[in-house]
Structures are given as C-alpha cells and as structure tokens.
Amino acid sequence: MLVTSANTADRDGAVPLLQRLATTCLRITHAWADSGYAGQLIDWAAQILQLRIQIVRRTESASGFQVLPRRWVVERTLAWITRRRRCVRDYERLPASGEAMAYWAMTLVMTRRLARHRTPPP
C-alpha cells in the first residue's frame, strides 16, 4: 500500500508502489490495473521489474454500471477500509498517517475473519 498526497497523479504514484511491491513480494509477477495506468508504466514495469500489468477495460458497448473482472476486488477493499471512521474522510495530515490508518483498518478485517474461522482445540 502507498498513500500519496492529493496532488500526485495515480500513474505517478504507481511507480514507487510497484517498486515497493517488487522488493517485498518477490513472487508476484502479474497485476491488474484500470485504463488510467495504460502507457509507459506498463513497459517500464515489464522491463525494470519483470512485472506484467494487464489493463482491465470496459467494453465499448456497455452503458451504465458494469462489473469488470478483478476491478471489483479493489472497490470491495476500499469499501472495507472506509467502514472505519478515520478512513472515511481525509483527516490525516501526513500520507504516512493515512497509510497507517488503512493498515489498521485492514488488520481489523483480517483478524475478524481469522477469528471467525478458528477451529476449536482438540
């Protein structure tokens, strides 16, 4: 995860995020993105990071809302994060604080899921 200031374009913020991904998650070789990330970023990621970025596009014939493969995962995750009051609005002054709040929100989601599927000891 990477939180940037509001004046940073998504495509510009993707470069440090993908660099962080390449150094921490060595097994990831494929990522999905929307059409806002198309262009030089795809070539850069393939050449420098050996990461394949696949752009998920809407069909031209679609009108209105359409569920797109893989993009719903991002929307669902953002919905989970914004269920926490501190993450609904941009209350944080520093990007690092916003990132910490998002990690905290996802930690709550993950621990509740783990506790729900816990098997009793023998």
Foldseek 3Di string as FASTA:
>chain_A
DFFDDPVADPLNVVVVVLVVCLVPPVVAAEEEDEPVNDDPNQVCCCVPRVHHYHYWYDDPPDDDDDDTPPPVVVVVLLVQLCVDPPQVDVPDPDRVVNVVSSVVSVVVVVVVVCVVPDDDDD
